C-alpha atoms as a PDB file:
ATOM      1  CA  MET A   1     -41.199 192.807 -17.326  1.00  0.00           C
ATOM      2  CA  LYS A   2     -40.730 193.018 -20.523  1.00  0.00           C
ATOM      3  CA  LYS A   3     -37.512 195.065 -20.536  1.00  0.00           C
ATOM      4  CA  ALA A   4     -35.788 192.831 -19.061  1.00  0.00           C
ATOM      5  CA  LEU A   5     -37.140 190.191 -21.595  1.00  0.00           C
ATOM      6  CA  VAL A   6     -36.135 192.866 -24.124  1.00  0.00           C
ATOM      7  CA  VAL A   7     -32.839 193.038 -22.402  1.00  0.00           C
ATOM      8  CA  PHE A   8     -31.719 189.925 -22.201  1.00  0.00           C
ATOM      9  CA  MET A   9     -32.423 189.063 -25.968  1.00  0.00           C
ATOM     10  CA  ILE A  10     -30.095 191.576 -27.078  1.00  0.00           C
ATOM     11  CA  VAL A  11     -27.398 190.220 -24.884  1.00  0.00           C
ATOM     12  CA  VAL A  12     -28.001 186.912 -26.209  1.00  0.00           C
ATOM     13  CA  LEU A  13     -27.823 188.175 -29.842  1.00  0.00           C
ATOM     14  CA  THR A  14     -25.068 190.396 -29.146  1.00  0.00           C
ATOM     15  CA  MET A  15     -22.828 187.304 -27.644  1.00  0.00           C
ATOM     16  CA  GLY A  16     -24.008 185.448 -30.649  1.00  0.00           C
ATOM     17  CA  LEU A  17     -22.815 187.899 -33.159  1.00  0.00           C
ATOM     18  CA  PHE A  18     -19.202 187.639 -31.039  1.00  0.00           C
ATOM     19  CA  VAL A  19     -18.981 183.983 -31.277  1.00  0.00           C
ATOM     20  CA  GLY A  20     -19.697 184.338 -35.120  1.00  0.00           C
ATOM     21  CA  CYS A  21     -16.496 185.938 -35.547  1.00  0.00           C
ATOM     22  CA  GLU A  22     -14.290 184.205 -33.670  1.00  0.00           C
ATOM     23  CA  GLN A  23     -15.872 181.366 -35.717  1.00  0.00           C
ATOM     24  CA  LYS A  24     -14.501 183.702 -38.435  1.00  0.00           C
ATOM     25  CA  GLU A  25     -11.190 184.095 -37.217  1.00  0.00           C
ATOM     26  CA  ASP A  26     -10.630 180.640 -36.020  1.00  0.00           C
ATOM     27  CA  THR A  27     -11.645 179.652 -40.068  1.00  0.00           C
ATOM     28  CA  ALA A  28      -9.160 182.344 -41.073  1.00  0.00           C
ATOM     29  CA  THR A  29      -6.826 181.295 -39.106  1.00  0.00           C
ATOM     30  CA  ASP A  30      -7.063 177.203 -40.136  1.00  0.00           C
ATOM     31  CA  ASN A  31      -6.629 178.254 -44.156  1.00  0.00           C
ATOM     32  CA  GLU A  32      -3.640 180.441 -43.808  1.00  0.00           C
ATOM     33  CA  GLN A  33      -0.955 179.611 -45.940  1.00  0.00           C
ATOM     34  CA  LYS A  34       2.112 177.369 -44.457  1.00  0.00           C
ATOM     35  CA  ILE A  35       5.292 177.408 -45.352  1.00  0.00           C
ATOM     36  CA  GLY A  36       8.350 175.049 -44.971  1.00  0.00           C
ATOM     37  CA  LEU A  37      11.663 175.714 -44.903  1.00  0.00           C
ATOM     38  CA  ILE A  38      14.087 173.341 -43.892  1.00  0.00           C
ATOM     39  CA  ILE A  39      17.714 174.512 -43.280  1.00  0.00           C
ATOM     40  CA  SER A  40      21.341 172.094 -44.187  1.00  0.00           C
ATOM     41  CA  THR A  41      22.662 173.784 -40.937  1.00  0.00           C
ATOM     42  CA  LEU A  42      21.877 176.537 -38.900  1.00  0.00           C
ATOM     43  CA  ASN A  43      25.564 176.547 -37.174  1.00  0.00           C
ATOM     44  CA  ASN A  44      26.524 178.577 -40.499  1.00  0.00           C
ATOM     45  CA  PRO A  45      25.913 182.213 -40.576  1.00  0.00           C
ATOM     46  CA  PHE A  46      25.315 181.933 -43.983  1.00  0.00           C
ATOM     47  CA  PHE A  47      22.220 180.089 -43.753  1.00  0.00           C
ATOM     48  CA  VAL A  48      21.242 181.601 -40.144  1.00  0.00           C
ATOM     49  CA  THR A  49      21.018 184.752 -42.692  1.00  0.00           C
ATOM     50  CA  LEU A  50      19.180 183.241 -45.113  1.00  0.00           C
ATOM     51  CA  ARG A  51      16.353 181.978 -42.562  1.00  0.00           C
ATOM     52  CA  ASP A  52      16.422 185.870 -41.020  1.00  0.00           C
ATOM     53  CA  GLY A  53      15.221 186.948 -44.732  1.00  0.00           C
ATOM     54  CA  ALA A  54      12.677 184.397 -45.317  1.00  0.00           C
ATOM     55  CA  GLU A  55      10.917 184.904 -41.947  1.00  0.00           C
ATOM     56  CA  ALA A  56      11.057 188.767 -41.861  1.00  0.00           C
ATOM     57  CA  LYS A  57       9.571 188.182 -45.661  1.00  0.00           C
ATOM     58  CA  ALA A  58       7.007 185.656 -44.044  1.00  0.00           C
ATOM     59  CA  LYS A  59       5.512 188.027 -41.854  1.00  0.00           C
ATOM     60  CA  GLU A  60       5.025 190.988 -43.943  1.00  0.00           C
ATOM     61  CA  LEU A  61       3.374 188.887 -46.068  1.00  0.00           C
ATOM     62  CA  GLY A  62       1.424 187.492 -43.073  1.00  0.00           C
ATOM     63  CA  VAL A  63       2.035 183.914 -44.072  1.00  0.00           C
ATOM     64  CA  GLU A  64       2.967 181.200 -41.508  1.00  0.00           C
ATOM     65  CA  LEU A  65       6.478 179.939 -41.522  1.00  0.00           C
ATOM     66  CA  ILE A  66       7.919 176.326 -40.007  1.00  0.00           C
ATOM     67  CA  VAL A  67      11.694 176.232 -39.969  1.00  0.00           C
ATOM     68  CA  LEU A  68      13.728 173.204 -39.793  1.00  0.00           C
ATOM     69  CA  ASP A  69      17.531 172.759 -38.792  1.00  0.00           C
ATOM     70  CA  SER A  70      18.760 169.234 -40.399  1.00  0.00           C
ATOM     71  CA  GLN A  71      22.023 169.794 -38.724  1.00  0.00           C
ATOM     72  CA  ASN A  72      24.076 168.701 -41.740  1.00  0.00           C
ATOM     73  CA  ASP A  73      22.456 165.333 -42.003  1.00  0.00           C
ATOM     74  CA  PRO A  74      20.727 163.846 -44.655  1.00  0.00           C
ATOM     75  CA  ALA A  75      18.736 161.418 -42.437  1.00  0.00           C
ATOM     76  CA  ARG A  76      17.316 164.023 -39.905  1.00  0.00           C
ATOM     77  CA  GLU A  77      16.857 166.305 -43.262  1.00  0.00           C
ATOM     78  CA  LEU A  78      14.352 163.047 -44.532  1.00  0.00           C
ATOM     79  CA  ALA A  79      12.825 163.446 -41.295  1.00  0.00           C
ATOM     80  CA  ASN A  80      12.294 167.297 -41.668  1.00  0.00           C
ATOM     81  CA  MET A  81      11.038 167.121 -45.453  1.00  0.00           C
ATOM     82  CA  GLU A  82       8.009 164.187 -43.283  1.00  0.00           C
ATOM     83  CA  ASP A  83       7.071 166.221 -40.241  1.00  0.00           C
ATOM     84  CA  LEU A  84       6.438 169.197 -42.346  1.00  0.00           C
ATOM     85  CA  VAL A  85       3.923 167.059 -44.653  1.00  0.00           C
ATOM     86  CA  THR A  86       2.386 165.653 -41.703  1.00  0.00           C
ATOM     87  CA  LYS A  87       2.123 169.503 -40.608  1.00  0.00           C
ATOM     88  CA  GLY A  88       0.349 170.260 -43.983  1.00  0.00           C
ATOM     89  CA  VAL A  89       2.255 172.642 -45.309  1.00  0.00           C
ATOM     90  CA  ASP A  90       1.294 174.521 -48.881  1.00  0.00           C
ATOM     91  CA  VAL A  91       5.287 174.447 -50.148  1.00  0.00           C
ATOM     92  CA  ILE A  92       8.286 173.627 -48.968  1.00  0.00           C
ATOM     93  CA  LEU A  93      11.744 175.374 -49.132  1.00  0.00           C
ATOM     94  CA  ILE A  94      14.532 173.329 -49.143  1.00  0.00           C
ATOM     95  CA  ASN A  95      18.240 174.417 -48.388  1.00  0.00           C
ATOM     96  CA  PRO A  96      19.976 170.635 -49.168  1.00  0.00           C
ATOM     97  CA  THR A  97      22.647 169.280 -47.078  1.00  0.00           C
ATOM     98  CA  ASP A  98      23.614 167.319 -50.172  1.00  0.00           C
ATOM     99  CA  SER A  99      22.416 167.335 -53.821  1.00  0.00           C
ATOM    100  CA  ASP A 100      22.435 163.911 -53.981  1.00  0.00           C
ATOM    101  CA  ALA A 101      20.981 162.580 -50.480  1.00  0.00           C
ATOM    102  CA  VAL A 102      18.217 165.777 -51.158  1.00  0.00           C
ATOM    103  CA  GLY A 103      16.605 163.598 -53.874  1.00  0.00           C
ATOM    104  CA  SER A 104      14.548 161.541 -51.364  1.00  0.00           C
ATOM    105  CA  ALA A 105      13.787 164.041 -49.032  1.00  0.00           C
ATOM    106  CA  ILE A 106      12.221 166.014 -52.556  1.00  0.00           C
ATOM    107  CA  LYS A 107       9.742 162.751 -53.683  1.00  0.00           C
ATOM    108  CA  VAL A 108       7.978 162.726 -50.407  1.00  0.00           C
ATOM    109  CA  ALA A 109       6.863 166.455 -50.696  1.00  0.00           C
ATOM    110  CA  ASN A 110       6.697 165.003 -55.157  1.00  0.00           C
ATOM    111  CA  GLU A 111       4.384 162.285 -53.510  1.00  0.00           C
ATOM    112  CA  LYS A 112       2.232 164.405 -51.695  1.00  0.00           C
ATOM    113  CA  ASN A 113       1.754 166.853 -54.219  1.00  0.00           C
ATOM    114  CA  ILE A 114       3.318 169.702 -52.189  1.00  0.00           C
ATOM    115  CA  PRO A 115       5.396 172.343 -54.534  1.00  0.00           C
ATOM    116  CA  VAL A 116       9.379 172.235 -53.425  1.00  0.00           C
ATOM    117  CA  ILE A 117      11.462 175.360 -54.090  1.00  0.00           C
ATOM    118  CA  THR A 118      15.596 174.590 -53.601  1.00  0.00           C
ATOM    119  CA  LEU A 119      17.521 177.267 -51.987  1.00  0.00           C
ATOM    120  CA  ASP A 120      21.593 177.870 -52.621  1.00  0.00           C
ATOM    121  CA  ARG A 121      22.113 174.766 -53.318  1.00  0.00           C
ATOM    122  CA  GLY A 122      20.426 172.547 -56.160  1.00  0.00           C
ATOM    123  CA  ALA A 123      19.281 169.090 -56.096  1.00  0.00           C
ATOM    124  CA  ASN A 124      19.979 166.315 -58.572  1.00  0.00           C
ATOM    125  CA  SER A 125      16.628 164.346 -58.433  1.00  0.00           C
ATOM    126  CA  GLY A 126      12.944 164.975 -57.697  1.00  0.00           C
ATOM    127  CA  ASP A 127      11.195 167.786 -58.931  1.00  0.00           C
ATOM    128  CA  VAL A 128      11.188 171.264 -58.179  1.00  0.00           C
ATOM    129  CA  ALA A 129       9.261 174.123 -59.603  1.00  0.00           C
ATOM    130  CA  THR A 130      12.409 176.602 -59.086  1.00  0.00           C
ATOM    131  CA  HIS A 131      16.233 176.598 -57.704  1.00  0.00           C
ATOM    132  CA  ILE A 132      16.886 179.966 -56.189  1.00  0.00           C
ATOM    133  CA  ALA A 133      20.789 180.770 -55.296  1.00  0.00           C
ATOM    134  CA  SER A 134      23.231 182.472 -56.663  1.00  0.00           C
ATOM    135  CA  ASP A 135      25.404 182.030 -60.256  1.00  0.00           C
ATOM    136  CA  ASN A 136      28.119 179.871 -58.454  1.00  0.00           C
ATOM    137  CA  VAL A 137      30.050 179.323 -61.276  1.00  0.00           C
ATOM    138  CA  ALA A 138      30.496 183.025 -61.930  1.00  0.00           C
ATOM    139  CA  GLY A 139      31.743 183.469 -58.283  1.00  0.00           C
ATOM    140  CA  GLY A 140      34.173 181.208 -58.173  1.00  0.00           C
ATOM    141  CA  LEU A 141      35.121 182.152 -61.798  1.00  0.00           C
ATOM    142  CA  MET A 142      35.390 186.039 -60.213  1.00  0.00           C
ATOM    143  CA  ALA A 143      37.267 184.460 -56.958  1.00  0.00           C
ATOM    144  CA  GLY A 144      40.142 183.261 -59.155  1.00  0.00           C
ATOM    145  CA  GLU A 145      40.247 186.059 -61.811  1.00  0.00           C
ATOM    146  CA  PHE A 146      41.336 188.134 -58.579  1.00  0.00           C
ATOM    147  CA  ILE A 147      43.915 185.932 -57.815  1.00  0.00           C
ATOM    148  CA  VAL A 148      45.363 185.081 -61.137  1.00  0.00           C
ATOM    149  CA  GLU A 149      45.815 189.147 -60.850  1.00  0.00           C
ATOM    150  CA  GLN A 150      47.066 189.091 -57.587  1.00  0.00           C
ATOM    151  CA  LEU A 151      49.723 186.841 -58.270  1.00  0.00           C
ATOM    152  CA  GLY A 152      50.842 187.961 -61.832  1.00  0.00           C
ATOM    153  CA  GLY A 153      50.032 184.812 -63.480  1.00  0.00           C
ATOM    154  CA  LYS A 154      52.029 182.900 -61.972  1.00  0.00           C
ATOM    155  CA  GLY A 155      52.496 180.701 -58.245  1.00  0.00           C
ATOM    156  CA  LYS A 156      51.003 178.412 -56.121  1.00  0.00           C
ATOM    157  CA  VAL A 157      47.303 178.307 -54.320  1.00  0.00           C
ATOM    158  CA  VAL A 158      45.431 175.927 -52.222  1.00  0.00           C
ATOM    159  CA  GLU A 159      41.449 175.274 -52.743  1.00  0.00           C
ATOM    160  CA  LEU A 160      39.406 173.892 -49.769  1.00  0.00           C
ATOM    161  CA  GLU A 161      36.776 172.674 -51.018  1.00  0.00           C
ATOM    162  CA  GLY A 162      33.216 172.801 -49.318  1.00  0.00           C
ATOM    163  CA  ILE A 163      30.605 169.171 -48.567  1.00  0.00           C
ATOM    164  CA  ALA A 164      31.523 166.571 -51.759  1.00  0.00           C
ATOM    165  CA  GLY A 165      28.108 166.379 -53.361  1.00  0.00           C
ATOM    166  CA  THR A 166      26.634 169.897 -53.088  1.00  0.00           C
ATOM    167  CA  SER A 167      26.062 171.789 -56.161  1.00  0.00           C
ATOM    168  CA  ALA A 168      27.732 174.939 -54.130  1.00  0.00           C
ATOM    169  CA  ALA A 169      31.002 173.290 -53.872  1.00  0.00           C
ATOM    170  CA  ARG A 170      30.636 171.640 -56.998  1.00  0.00           C
ATOM    171  CA  ASP A 171      30.365 175.155 -59.230  1.00  0.00           C
ATOM    172  CA  ARG A 172      32.578 177.478 -56.992  1.00  0.00           C
ATOM    173  CA  GLY A 173      35.113 174.966 -57.710  1.00  0.00           C
ATOM    174  CA  GLN A 174      34.107 174.694 -61.060  1.00  0.00           C
ATOM    175  CA  GLY A 175      34.974 178.587 -61.531  1.00  0.00           C
ATOM    176  CA  PHE A 176      37.688 179.083 -60.048  1.00  0.00           C
ATOM    177  CA  ASN A 177      39.657 175.936 -61.897  1.00  0.00           C
ATOM    178  CA  GLU A 178      38.425 177.503 -64.989  1.00  0.00           C
ATOM    179  CA  ALA A 179      40.558 180.545 -64.069  1.00  0.00           C
ATOM    180  CA  ILE A 180      43.593 179.138 -62.499  1.00  0.00           C
ATOM    181  CA  ASP A 181      43.428 177.134 -66.261  1.00  0.00           C
ATOM    182  CA  THR A 182      44.186 180.419 -68.495  1.00  0.00           C
ATOM    183  CA  SER A 183      47.533 180.561 -66.155  1.00  0.00           C
ATOM    184  CA  ASP A 184      51.028 179.587 -64.859  1.00  0.00           C
ATOM    185  CA  ILE A 185      49.573 178.652 -61.368  1.00  0.00           C
ATOM    186  CA  GLU A 186      49.631 175.517 -59.772  1.00  0.00           C
ATOM    187  CA  VAL A 187      46.907 173.960 -57.665  1.00  0.00           C
ATOM    188  CA  VAL A 188      49.659 172.269 -54.908  1.00  0.00           C
ATOM    189  CA  ALA A 189      46.585 171.062 -52.836  1.00  0.00           C
ATOM    190  CA  ARG A 190      43.069 170.353 -53.453  1.00  0.00           C
ATOM    191  CA  GLN A 191      41.555 169.342 -49.918  1.00  0.00           C
ATOM    192  CA  VAL A 192      37.507 168.454 -48.543  1.00  0.00           C
ATOM    193  CA  ALA A 193      36.731 170.814 -45.613  1.00  0.00           C
ATOM    194  CA  ASP A 194      33.228 170.499 -45.208  1.00  0.00           C
ATOM    195  CA  PHE A 195      31.761 174.727 -44.792  1.00  0.00           C
ATOM    196  CA  ASP A 196      33.347 174.402 -41.786  1.00  0.00           C
ATOM    197  CA  ARG A 197      35.781 177.072 -39.666  1.00  0.00           C
ATOM    198  CA  ALA A 198      37.552 174.138 -37.555  1.00  0.00           C
ATOM    199  CA  LYS A 199      38.144 171.766 -40.658  1.00  0.00           C
ATOM    200  CA  GLY A 200      39.268 174.345 -42.151  1.00  0.00           C
ATOM    201  CA  LEU A 201      41.626 175.687 -39.856  1.00  0.00           C
ATOM    202  CA  HIS A 202      43.153 171.954 -39.282  1.00  0.00           C
ATOM    203  CA  VAL A 203      43.044 171.232 -43.169  1.00  0.00           C
ATOM    204  CA  MET A 204      45.039 174.413 -43.897  1.00  0.00           C
ATOM    205  CA  GLU A 205      47.850 173.531 -41.077  1.00  0.00           C
ATOM    206  CA  ASN A 206      48.526 170.119 -42.641  1.00  0.00           C
ATOM    207  CA  ILE A 207      48.865 171.607 -46.129  1.00  0.00           C
ATOM    208  CA  ILE A 208      51.186 175.145 -44.780  1.00  0.00           C
ATOM    209  CA  GLN A 209      53.092 171.947 -43.263  1.00  0.00           C
ATOM    210  CA  ALA A 210      53.134 169.535 -46.316  1.00  0.00           C
ATOM    211  CA  ASN A 211      53.934 172.864 -49.276  1.00  0.00           C
ATOM    212  CA  PRO A 212      56.907 175.074 -48.044  1.00  0.00           C
ATOM    213  CA  GLU A 213      55.033 177.028 -51.282  1.00  0.00           C
ATOM    214  CA  ILE A 214      52.042 178.983 -50.867  1.00  0.00           C
ATOM    215  CA  ASN A 215      50.597 182.289 -52.454  1.00  0.00           C
ATOM    216  CA  ALA A 216      47.128 181.511 -52.603  1.00  0.00           C
ATOM    217  CA  VAL A 217      44.588 180.532 -50.817  1.00  0.00           C
ATOM    218  CA  PHE A 218      40.727 179.822 -52.373  1.00  0.00           C
ATOM    219  CA  ALA A 219      38.157 178.312 -49.811  1.00  0.00           C
ATOM    220  CA  HIS A 220      34.667 177.967 -51.022  1.00  0.00           C
ATOM    221  CA  ASN A 221      32.959 179.305 -48.294  1.00  0.00           C
ATOM    222  CA  ASP A 222      34.188 182.204 -45.616  1.00  0.00           C
ATOM    223  CA  GLU A 223      33.826 179.850 -42.469  1.00  0.00           C
ATOM    224  CA  MET A 224      36.718 177.592 -44.175  1.00  0.00           C
ATOM    225  CA  ALA A 225      38.570 181.033 -45.087  1.00  0.00           C
ATOM    226  CA  LEU A 226      38.157 182.279 -41.769  1.00  0.00           C
ATOM    227  CA  GLY A 227      40.086 178.822 -40.204  1.00  0.00           C
ATOM    228  CA  ALA A 228      42.640 179.002 -43.307  1.00  0.00           C
ATOM    229  CA  LEU A 229      43.195 183.062 -41.804  1.00  0.00           C
ATOM    230  CA  LYS A 230      44.021 181.699 -38.714  1.00  0.00           C
ATOM    231  CA  ALA A 231      46.367 178.856 -39.705  1.00  0.00           C
ATOM    232  CA  VAL A 232      47.562 181.401 -42.078  1.00  0.00           C
ATOM    233  CA  ALA A 233      48.922 183.760 -39.282  1.00  0.00           C
ATOM    234  CA  ALA A 234      50.322 181.300 -36.801  1.00  0.00           C
ATOM    235  CA  SER A 235      52.857 180.078 -39.628  1.00  0.00           C
ATOM    236  CA  GLY A 236      53.589 183.882 -40.038  1.00  0.00           C
ATOM    237  CA  ARG A 237      53.610 183.139 -44.122  1.00  0.00           C
ATOM    238  CA  ASN A 238      52.707 185.735 -46.393  1.00  0.00           C
ATOM    239  CA  ILE A 239      49.575 184.277 -48.239  1.00  0.00           C
ATOM    240  CA  ILE A 240      46.615 185.487 -49.751  1.00  0.00           C
ATOM    241  CA  VAL A 241      43.417 183.901 -48.510  1.00  0.00           C
ATOM    242  CA  VAL A 242      40.130 184.965 -50.381  1.00  0.00           C
ATOM    243  CA  GLY A 243      36.527 183.195 -49.468  1.00  0.00           C
ATOM    244  CA  PHE A 244      32.535 182.970 -50.925  1.00  0.00           C
ATOM    245  CA  ASP A 245      29.670 184.299 -49.265  1.00  0.00           C
ATOM    246  CA  ALA A 246      30.326 187.594 -47.171  1.00  0.00           C
ATOM    247  CA  THR A 247      29.471 187.193 -43.897  1.00  0.00           C
ATOM    248  CA  ASP A 248      30.239 189.595 -41.415  1.00  0.00           C
ATOM    249  CA  ASP A 249      33.427 187.797 -39.758  1.00  0.00           C
ATOM    250  CA  ALA A 250      34.702 187.940 -43.240  1.00  0.00           C
ATOM    251  CA  LEU A 251      33.636 191.020 -44.431  1.00  0.00           C
ATOM    252  CA  LYS A 252      35.564 192.699 -41.207  1.00  0.00           C
ATOM    253  CA  ALA A 253      38.729 190.943 -41.908  1.00  0.00           C
ATOM    254  CA  VAL A 254      38.598 192.361 -45.441  1.00  0.00           C
ATOM    255  CA  GLU A 255      38.028 195.822 -43.939  1.00  0.00           C
ATOM    256  CA  ASP A 256      41.035 194.892 -41.576  1.00  0.00           C
ATOM    257  CA  GLY A 257      43.574 194.130 -44.400  1.00  0.00           C
ATOM    258  CA  GLU A 258      43.705 190.224 -42.728  1.00  0.00           C
ATOM    259  CA  MET A 259      41.822 188.337 -45.864  1.00  0.00           C
ATOM    260  CA  ALA A 260      42.176 189.152 -49.619  1.00  0.00           C
ATOM    261  CA  ALA A 261      39.096 189.389 -50.675  1.00  0.00           C
ATOM    262  CA  THR A 262      34.853 187.492 -50.555  1.00  0.00           C
ATOM    263  CA  VAL A 263      32.245 186.994 -53.467  1.00  0.00           C
ATOM    264  CA  ALA A 264      29.451 188.773 -51.788  1.00  0.00           C
ATOM    265  CA  GLN A 265      26.169 186.718 -51.936  1.00  0.00           C
ATOM    266  CA  GLN A 266      23.019 187.657 -50.632  1.00  0.00           C
ATOM    267  CA  PRO A 267      21.322 184.741 -47.902  1.00  0.00           C
ATOM    268  CA  SER A 268      19.091 187.294 -47.212  1.00  0.00           C
ATOM    269  CA  LEU A 269      17.444 187.680 -50.513  1.00  0.00           C
ATOM    270  CA  ILE A 270      17.292 184.047 -51.508  1.00  0.00           C
ATOM    271  CA  GLY A 271      15.421 183.556 -48.574  1.00  0.00           C
ATOM    272  CA  ALA A 272      12.762 186.046 -49.082  1.00  0.00           C
ATOM    273  CA  LEU A 273      12.503 185.715 -52.789  1.00  0.00           C
ATOM    274  CA  GLY A 274      11.710 182.094 -51.681  1.00  0.00           C
ATOM    275  CA  VAL A 275       9.238 183.322 -49.645  1.00  0.00           C
ATOM    276  CA  GLU A 276       7.992 185.411 -52.835  1.00  0.00           C
ATOM    277  CA  ASN A 277       8.165 182.249 -54.894  1.00  0.00           C
ATOM    278  CA  ALA A 278       6.294 180.234 -53.027  1.00  0.00           C
ATOM    279  CA  LEU A 279       3.428 182.585 -52.522  1.00  0.00           C
ATOM    280  CA  LYS A 280       3.686 183.514 -56.616  1.00  0.00           C
ATOM    281  CA  VAL A 281       3.849 178.589 -57.225  1.00  0.00           C
ATOM    282  CA  LEU A 282       0.228 178.682 -54.582  1.00  0.00           C
ATOM    283  CA  ASP A 283      -1.586 181.571 -56.594  1.00  0.00           C
ATOM    284  CA  GLY A 284      -0.830 179.849 -60.255  1.00  0.00           C
ATOM    285  CA  ASP A 285       1.875 181.855 -61.423  1.00  0.00           C
ATOM    286  CA  ALA A 286       4.401 181.392 -64.491  1.00  0.00           C
ATOM    287  CA  ILE A 287       7.852 181.542 -62.883  1.00  0.00           C
ATOM    288  CA  ASP A 288      11.121 181.263 -63.946  1.00  0.00           C
ATOM    289  CA  ASN A 289      13.511 177.214 -63.534  1.00  0.00           C
ATOM    290  CA  TYR A 290      16.041 178.621 -62.384  1.00  0.00           C
ATOM    291  CA  ILE A 291      16.271 182.653 -60.526  1.00  0.00           C
ATOM    292  CA  PRO A 292      19.456 183.655 -59.619  1.00  0.00           C
ATOM    293  CA  VAL A 293      20.606 186.650 -57.126  1.00  0.00           C
ATOM    294  CA  ALA A 294      23.281 188.815 -58.080  1.00  0.00           C
ATOM    295  CA  LEU A 295      27.338 188.474 -56.629  1.00  0.00           C
ATOM    296  CA  LYS A 296      30.081 191.162 -56.222  1.00  0.00           C
ATOM    297  CA  LEU A 297      33.333 190.539 -55.270  1.00  0.00           C
ATOM    298  CA  VAL A 298      34.438 192.575 -51.954  1.00  0.00           C
ATOM    299  CA  ILE A 299      38.188 193.584 -51.806  1.00  0.00           C
ATOM    300  CA  LYS A 300      39.462 196.254 -49.224  1.00  0.00           C
END
């Protein structure tokens, strides 16, 4: 009888230890740091790669990452921010749909003292811990200088602009025009195509019909450049096309000799740096207000 009682007590104590371990594990899970990531749109390969880079780094560092897609809609972006605040995330990474409109979303996090980091596109209002992006002005300048060189400083060019109000569109356009202004090249058309391939095709078709002479096109991203490339091919005209982002499709087009060049960013690195710096903010480490990511011109 005594032996049976001893065995019973050992079983009870052992079960208690397991329960204690499970409770500790649950507590650890509850205390796991959570980072929110709001993407402007996952219909763009560039931002898909940015997300993938963030997810890979979060997995490597053992932190939870919640990803939400704004679908290029500022209202949805605001709703996504409110959702992450409700979920109790510790830091929010955001790739804005619009540099002006995103201020309202950022202020939601500011009111709850949740740090915010902007990725690729900046914000014109609201408090952010840092901005991680390529130097878009330098990239636009790089593309413009390449076109000036290819045309010998003379000719007619088209500029396809990204979403109005985004820092990427503004800065890439600024750099490009700074380069063009040093030459005798004329910009015969400058139109918005919203970083979208289908819109790039449609806008470029109309521009080609309206302008008998075009020597080159600079698009603020590769999606618009690839759309423009299709319009150029259909027209049978010899027009240089330069994009920005170095997406897989664009790199293949450059390699095949269809696109003249693209400015290479590193979206995966932007996403990874976002997660790394989110943890630095949580640890109380000092970080720079702007963290640049290197870029280069890709030609065949």
